[in-house]
Amino acid sequence: MRCPICRKSVTWEGNPFRPFCSERCKLIDLDNWLAERYRISPPVETGEKNASAENPVPDTEGDRD
């Protein structure tokens, strides 16, 4: 396996920083998350319509007797 930051080969067993090779790479990754350099993209539209958008649940809370 390779370190996601520096791409060095990583020993999995006995490595307290896995999947990183060192504490330095682990902290670089943390900084990237905190600085919002990594982004999780929104779901990709597949062309299929959302069933809940076509058939919304009616609001029956105001219809109680």
PDB file of N, CA and C in Angstrom:
ATOM      1  N   MET A   1       0.840  -1.166   0.000  1.00  0.00           N
ATOM      2  CA  MET A   1       0.000   0.000   0.000  1.00  0.00           C
ATOM      3  C   MET A   1       0.892   1.238   0.000  1.00  0.00           C
ATOM      4  N   ARG A   2       0.376   2.307  -0.573  1.00  0.00           N
ATOM      5  CA  ARG A   2       1.129   3.561  -0.641  1.00  0.00           C
ATOM      6  C   ARG A   2       0.465   4.634   0.214  1.00  0.00           C
ATOM      7  N   CYS A   3       1.283   5.518   0.766  1.00  0.00           N
ATOM      8  CA  CYS A   3       0.803   6.648   1.557  1.00  0.00           C
ATOM      9  C   CYS A   3       0.010   7.579   0.635  1.00  0.00           C
ATOM     10  N   PRO A   4      -1.191   7.987   1.027  1.00  0.00           N
ATOM     11  CA  PRO A   4      -1.998   8.856   0.166  1.00  0.00           C
ATOM     12  C   PRO A   4      -1.400  10.251  -0.034  1.00  0.00           C
ATOM     13  N   ILE A   5      -0.473  10.657   0.810  1.00  0.00           N
ATOM     14  CA  ILE A   5       0.107  11.993   0.708  1.00  0.00           C
ATOM     15  C   ILE A   5       1.413  11.985  -0.085  1.00  0.00           C
ATOM     16  N   CYS A   6       2.391  11.195   0.345  1.00  0.00           N
ATOM     17  CA  CYS A   6       3.713  11.237  -0.299  1.00  0.00           C
ATOM     18  C   CYS A   6       3.962  10.077  -1.258  1.00  0.00           C
ATOM     19  N   ARG A   7       3.058   9.110  -1.282  1.00  0.00           N
ATOM     20  CA  ARG A   7       3.113   7.948  -2.179  1.00  0.00           C
ATOM     21  C   ARG A   7       4.238   6.958  -1.851  1.00  0.00           C
ATOM     22  N   LYS A   8       4.867   7.065  -0.664  1.00  0.00           N
ATOM     23  CA  LYS A   8       5.859   6.074  -0.244  1.00  0.00           C
ATOM     24  C   LYS A   8       5.156   4.774   0.106  1.00  0.00           C
ATOM     25  N   SER A   9       5.890   3.686   0.007  1.00  0.00           N
ATOM     26  CA  SER A   9       5.352   2.397   0.404  1.00  0.00           C
ATOM     27  C   SER A   9       5.132   2.390   1.915  1.00  0.00           C
ATOM     28  N   VAL A  10       3.979   1.865   2.357  1.00  0.00           N
ATOM     29  CA  VAL A  10       3.611   1.890   3.770  1.00  0.00           C
ATOM     30  C   VAL A  10       3.501   0.467   4.294  1.00  0.00           C
ATOM     31  N   THR A  11       4.116   0.220   5.435  1.00  0.00           N
ATOM     32  CA  THR A  11       3.955  -1.047   6.125  1.00  0.00           C
ATOM     33  C   THR A  11       2.700  -0.942   6.972  1.00  0.00           C
ATOM     34  N   TRP A  12       1.772  -1.857   6.786  1.00  0.00           N
ATOM     35  CA  TRP A  12       0.489  -1.775   7.481  1.00  0.00           C
ATOM     36  C   TRP A  12       0.626  -2.208   8.939  1.00  0.00           C
ATOM     37  N   GLU A  13       1.238  -3.344   9.165  1.00  0.00           N
ATOM     38  CA  GLU A  13       1.336  -3.877  10.518  1.00  0.00           C
ATOM     39  C   GLU A  13       2.373  -3.119  11.333  1.00  0.00           C
ATOM     40  N   GLY A  14       1.988  -2.763  12.549  1.00  0.00           N
ATOM     41  CA  GLY A  14       2.898  -2.065  13.444  1.00  0.00           C
ATOM     42  C   GLY A  14       3.041  -0.584  13.128  1.00  0.00           C
ATOM     43  N   ASN A  15       2.250  -0.056  12.209  1.00  0.00           N
ATOM     44  CA  ASN A  15       2.335   1.358  11.836  1.00  0.00           C
ATOM     45  C   ASN A  15       1.181   2.112  12.504  1.00  0.00           C
ATOM     46  N   PRO A  16       1.467   2.943  13.522  1.00  0.00           N
ATOM     47  CA  PRO A  16       0.390   3.652  14.216  1.00  0.00           C
ATOM     48  C   PRO A  16      -0.236   4.773  13.380  1.00  0.00           C
ATOM     49  N   PHE A  17       0.361   5.119  12.248  1.00  0.00           N
ATOM     50  CA  PHE A  17      -0.119   6.222  11.415  1.00  0.00           C
ATOM     51  C   PHE A  17      -0.854   5.758  10.165  1.00  0.00           C
ATOM     52  N   ARG A  18      -1.063   4.438  10.025  1.00  0.00           N
ATOM     53  CA  ARG A  18      -1.678   3.929   8.810  1.00  0.00           C
ATOM     54  C   ARG A  18      -3.010   4.588   8.536  1.00  0.00           C
ATOM     55  N   PRO A  19      -3.359   4.863   7.340  1.00  0.00           N
ATOM     56  CA  PRO A  19      -2.744   4.464   6.078  1.00  0.00           C
ATOM     57  C   PRO A  19      -1.599   5.367   5.643  1.00  0.00           C
ATOM     58  N   PHE A  20      -1.176   6.286   6.504  1.00  0.00           N
ATOM     59  CA  PHE A  20      -0.076   7.191   6.177  1.00  0.00           C
ATOM     60  C   PHE A  20       1.242   6.575   6.602  1.00  0.00           C
ATOM     61  N   CYS A  21       2.332   7.093   6.055  1.00  0.00           N
ATOM     62  CA  CYS A  21       3.647   6.536   6.384  1.00  0.00           C
ATOM     63  C   CYS A  21       4.220   7.135   7.664  1.00  0.00           C
ATOM     64  N   SER A  22       3.750   8.326   8.032  1.00  0.00           N
ATOM     65  CA  SER A  22       4.313   9.004   9.198  1.00  0.00           C
ATOM     66  C   SER A  22       3.300   9.964   9.794  1.00  0.00           C
ATOM     67  N   GLU A  23       3.635  10.486  10.962  1.00  0.00           N
ATOM     68  CA  GLU A  23       2.779  11.485  11.600  1.00  0.00           C
ATOM     69  C   GLU A  23       2.705  12.744  10.747  1.00  0.00           C
ATOM     70  N   ARG A  24       3.806  13.081  10.083  1.00  0.00           N
ATOM     71  CA  ARG A  24       3.838  14.259   9.217  1.00  0.00           C
ATOM     72  C   ARG A  24       2.777  14.174   8.123  1.00  0.00           C
ATOM     73  N   CYS A  25       2.704  13.052   7.420  1.00  0.00           N
ATOM     74  CA  CYS A  25       1.721  12.885   6.351  1.00  0.00           C
ATOM     75  C   CYS A  25       0.302  12.858   6.913  1.00  0.00           C
ATOM     76  N   LYS A  26       0.130  12.287   8.086  1.00  0.00           N
ATOM     77  CA  LYS A  26      -1.174  12.265   8.729  1.00  0.00           C
ATOM     78  C   LYS A  26      -1.639  13.692   9.034  1.00  0.00           C
ATOM     79  N   LEU A  27      -0.728  14.535   9.542  1.00  0.00           N
ATOM     80  CA  LEU A  27      -1.079  15.915   9.862  1.00  0.00           C
ATOM     81  C   LEU A  27      -1.304  16.753   8.606  1.00  0.00           C
ATOM     82  N   ILE A  28      -0.571  16.473   7.544  1.00  0.00           N
ATOM     83  CA  ILE A  28      -0.807  17.165   6.269  1.00  0.00           C
ATOM     84  C   ILE A  28      -2.212  16.862   5.773  1.00  0.00           C
ATOM     85  N   ASP A  29      -2.628  15.607   5.870  1.00  0.00           N
ATOM     86  CA  ASP A  29      -3.966  15.218   5.452  1.00  0.00           C
ATOM     87  C   ASP A  29      -5.029  15.908   6.310  1.00  0.00           C
ATOM     88  N   LEU A  30      -4.807  15.961   7.618  1.00  0.00           N
ATOM     89  CA  LEU A  30      -5.742  16.646   8.506  1.00  0.00           C
ATOM     90  C   LEU A  30      -5.858  18.121   8.133  1.00  0.00           C
ATOM     91  N   ASP A  31      -4.733  18.761   7.865  1.00  0.00           N
ATOM     92  CA  ASP A  31      -4.744  20.172   7.454  1.00  0.00           C
ATOM     93  C   ASP A  31      -5.521  20.360   6.150  1.00  0.00           C
ATOM     94  N   ASN A  32      -5.370  19.433   5.222  1.00  0.00           N
ATOM     95  CA  ASN A  32      -6.118  19.519   3.958  1.00  0.00           C
ATOM     96  C   ASN A  32      -7.620  19.479   4.205  1.00  0.00           C
ATOM     97  N   TRP A  33      -8.064  18.622   5.121  1.00  0.00           N
ATOM     98  CA  TRP A  33      -9.493  18.574   5.447  1.00  0.00           C
ATOM     99  C   TRP A  33      -9.942  19.857   6.135  1.00  0.00           C
ATOM    100  N   LEU A  34      -9.154  20.334   7.106  1.00  0.00           N
ATOM    101  CA  LEU A  34      -9.534  21.531   7.855  1.00  0.00           C
ATOM    102  C   LEU A  34      -9.541  22.784   6.989  1.00  0.00           C
ATOM    103  N   ALA A  35      -8.653  22.836   6.007  1.00  0.00           N
ATOM    104  CA  ALA A  35      -8.590  23.979   5.095  1.00  0.00           C
ATOM    105  C   ALA A  35      -9.582  23.837   3.938  1.00  0.00           C
ATOM    106  N   GLU A  36     -10.386  22.775   3.961  1.00  0.00           N
ATOM    107  CA  GLU A  36     -11.400  22.489   2.946  1.00  0.00           C
ATOM    108  C   GLU A  36     -10.817  22.343   1.540  1.00  0.00           C
ATOM    109  N   ARG A  37      -9.625  21.739   1.477  1.00  0.00           N
ATOM    110  CA  ARG A  37      -9.036  21.447   0.166  1.00  0.00           C
ATOM    111  C   ARG A  37      -9.646  20.193  -0.442  1.00  0.00           C
ATOM    112  N   TYR A  38     -10.191  19.343   0.420  1.00  0.00           N
ATOM    113  CA  TYR A  38     -10.902  18.162  -0.046  1.00  0.00           C
ATOM    114  C   TYR A  38     -12.382  18.504  -0.062  1.00  0.00           C
ATOM    115  N   ARG A  39     -13.081  18.011  -1.056  1.00  0.00           N
ATOM    116  CA  ARG A  39     -14.518  18.252  -1.156  1.00  0.00           C
ATOM    117  C   ARG A  39     -15.214  16.944  -1.491  1.00  0.00           C
ATOM    118  N   ILE A  40     -16.356  16.746  -0.927  1.00  0.00           N
ATOM    119  CA  ILE A  40     -17.188  15.604  -1.276  1.00  0.00           C
ATOM    120  C   ILE A  40     -18.224  16.123  -2.246  1.00  0.00           C
ATOM    121  N   SER A  41     -18.229  15.573  -3.446  1.00  0.00           N
ATOM    122  CA  SER A  41     -19.123  16.074  -4.484  1.00  0.00           C
ATOM    123  C   SER A  41     -20.554  15.622  -4.228  1.00  0.00           C
ATOM    124  N   PRO A  42     -21.515  16.406  -4.723  1.00  0.00           N
ATOM    125  CA  PRO A  42     -22.911  15.990  -4.590  1.00  0.00           C
ATOM    126  C   PRO A  42     -23.179  14.761  -5.449  1.00  0.00           C
ATOM    127  N   PRO A  43     -24.236  14.024  -5.134  1.00  0.00           N
ATOM    128  CA  PRO A  43     -24.553  12.830  -5.931  1.00  0.00           C
ATOM    129  C   PRO A  43     -24.768  13.186  -7.405  1.00  0.00           C
ATOM    130  N   VAL A  44     -24.382  12.291  -8.268  1.00  0.00           N
ATOM    131  CA  VAL A  44     -24.531  12.490  -9.707  1.00  0.00           C
ATOM    132  C   VAL A  44     -25.953  12.128 -10.106  1.00  0.00           C
ATOM    133  N   GLU A  45     -26.578  12.979 -10.886  1.00  0.00           N
ATOM    134  CA  GLU A  45     -27.922  12.702 -11.388  1.00  0.00           C
ATOM    135  C   GLU A  45     -27.816  11.608 -12.445  1.00  0.00           C
ATOM    136  N   THR A  46     -28.667  10.588 -12.361  1.00  0.00           N
ATOM    137  CA  THR A  46     -28.578   9.462 -13.294  1.00  0.00           C
ATOM    138  C   THR A  46     -29.614   9.532 -14.402  1.00  0.00           C
ATOM    139  N   GLY A  47     -30.450  10.528 -14.376  1.00  0.00           N
ATOM    140  CA  GLY A  47     -31.483  10.614 -15.387  1.00  0.00           C
ATOM    141  C   GLY A  47     -32.790  10.012 -14.924  1.00  0.00           C
ATOM    142  N   GLU A  48     -32.737   9.158 -13.904  1.00  0.00           N
ATOM    143  CA  GLU A  48     -33.962   8.599 -13.348  1.00  0.00           C
ATOM    144  C   GLU A  48     -34.563   9.631 -12.415  1.00  0.00           C
ATOM    145  N   LYS A  49     -35.856   9.769 -12.476  1.00  0.00           N
ATOM    146  CA  LYS A  49     -36.513  10.724 -11.606  1.00  0.00           C
ATOM    147  C   LYS A  49     -36.661  10.121 -10.220  1.00  0.00           C
ATOM    148  N   ASN A  50     -36.573  10.978  -9.261  1.00  0.00           N
ATOM    149  CA  ASN A  50     -36.724  10.563  -7.881  1.00  0.00           C
ATOM    150  C   ASN A  50     -38.201  10.253  -7.619  1.00  0.00           C
ATOM    151  N   ALA A  51     -38.502   9.071  -7.138  1.00  0.00           N
ATOM    152  CA  ALA A  51     -39.886   8.663  -6.906  1.00  0.00           C
ATOM    153  C   ALA A  51     -40.554   9.550  -5.869  1.00  0.00           C
ATOM    154  N   SER A  52     -39.805   9.995  -4.868  1.00  0.00           N
ATOM    155  CA  SER A  52     -40.415  10.841  -3.847  1.00  0.00           C
ATOM    156  C   SER A  52     -40.741  12.226  -4.396  1.00  0.00           C
ATOM    157  N   ALA A  53     -40.039  12.691  -5.420  1.00  0.00           N
ATOM    158  CA  ALA A  53     -40.341  13.980  -6.026  1.00  0.00           C
ATOM    159  C   ALA A  53     -41.603  13.880  -6.869  1.00  0.00           C
ATOM    160  N   GLU A  54     -41.844  12.726  -7.489  1.00  0.00           N
ATOM    161  CA  GLU A  54     -43.046  12.533  -8.305  1.00  0.00           C
ATOM    162  C   GLU A  54     -44.281  12.323  -7.441  1.00  0.00           C
ATOM    163  N   ASN A  55     -44.106  11.616  -6.343  1.00  0.00           N
ATOM    164  CA  ASN A  55     -45.225  11.287  -5.468  1.00  0.00           C
ATOM    165  C   ASN A  55     -44.925  11.768  -4.051  1.00  0.00           C
ATOM    166  N   PRO A  56     -45.009  13.073  -3.833  1.00  0.00           N
ATOM    167  CA  PRO A  56     -44.693  13.565  -2.495  1.00  0.00           C
ATOM    168  C   PRO A  56     -45.732  13.099  -1.474  1.00  0.00           C
ATOM    169  N   VAL A  57     -45.290  12.947  -0.253  1.00  0.00           N
ATOM    170  CA  VAL A  57     -46.198  12.549   0.820  1.00  0.00           C
ATOM    171  C   VAL A  57     -47.044  13.763   1.160  1.00  0.00           C
ATOM    172  N   PRO A  58     -48.372  13.617   1.147  1.00  0.00           N
ATOM    173  CA  PRO A  58     -49.224  14.778   1.434  1.00  0.00           C
ATOM    174  C   PRO A  58     -49.100  15.206   2.887  1.00  0.00           C
ATOM    175  N   ASP A  59     -49.233  16.498   3.112  1.00  0.00           N
ATOM    176  CA  ASP A  59     -49.194  17.040   4.458  1.00  0.00           C
ATOM    177  C   ASP A  59     -50.574  16.888   5.063  1.00  0.00           C
ATOM    178  N   THR A  60     -50.755  15.911   5.919  1.00  0.00           N
ATOM    179  CA  THR A  60     -52.075  15.649   6.506  1.00  0.00           C
ATOM    180  C   THR A  60     -52.184  16.196   7.923  1.00  0.00           C
ATOM    181  N   GLU A  61     -51.143  16.865   8.406  1.00  0.00           N
ATOM    182  CA  GLU A  61     -51.158  17.353   9.769  1.00  0.00           C
ATOM    183  C   GLU A  61     -52.283  18.371   9.997  1.00  0.00           C
ATOM    184  N   GLY A  62     -52.567  19.236   9.027  1.00  0.00           N
ATOM    185  CA  GLY A  62     -53.609  20.226   9.172  1.00  0.00           C
ATOM    186  C   GLY A  62     -54.998  19.679   8.915  1.00  0.00           C
ATOM    187  N   ASP A  63     -55.120  18.438   8.428  1.00  0.00           N
ATOM    188  CA  ASP A  63     -56.408  17.870   8.052  1.00  0.00           C
ATOM    189  C   ASP A  63     -57.059  17.062   9.186  1.00  0.00           C
ATOM    190  N   ARG A  64     -56.479  17.091  10.360  1.00  0.00           N
ATOM    191  CA  ARG A  64     -57.020  16.282  11.455  1.00  0.00           C
ATOM    192  C   ARG A  64     -58.306  16.904  11.985  1.00  0.00           C
ATOM    193  N   ASP A  65     -59.268  16.060  12.370  1.00  0.00           N
ATOM    194  CA  ASP A  65     -60.547  16.540  12.918  1.00  0.00           C
ATOM    195  C   ASP A  65     -60.536  16.559  14.414  1.00  0.00           C
TER     196      ASP A  65
END
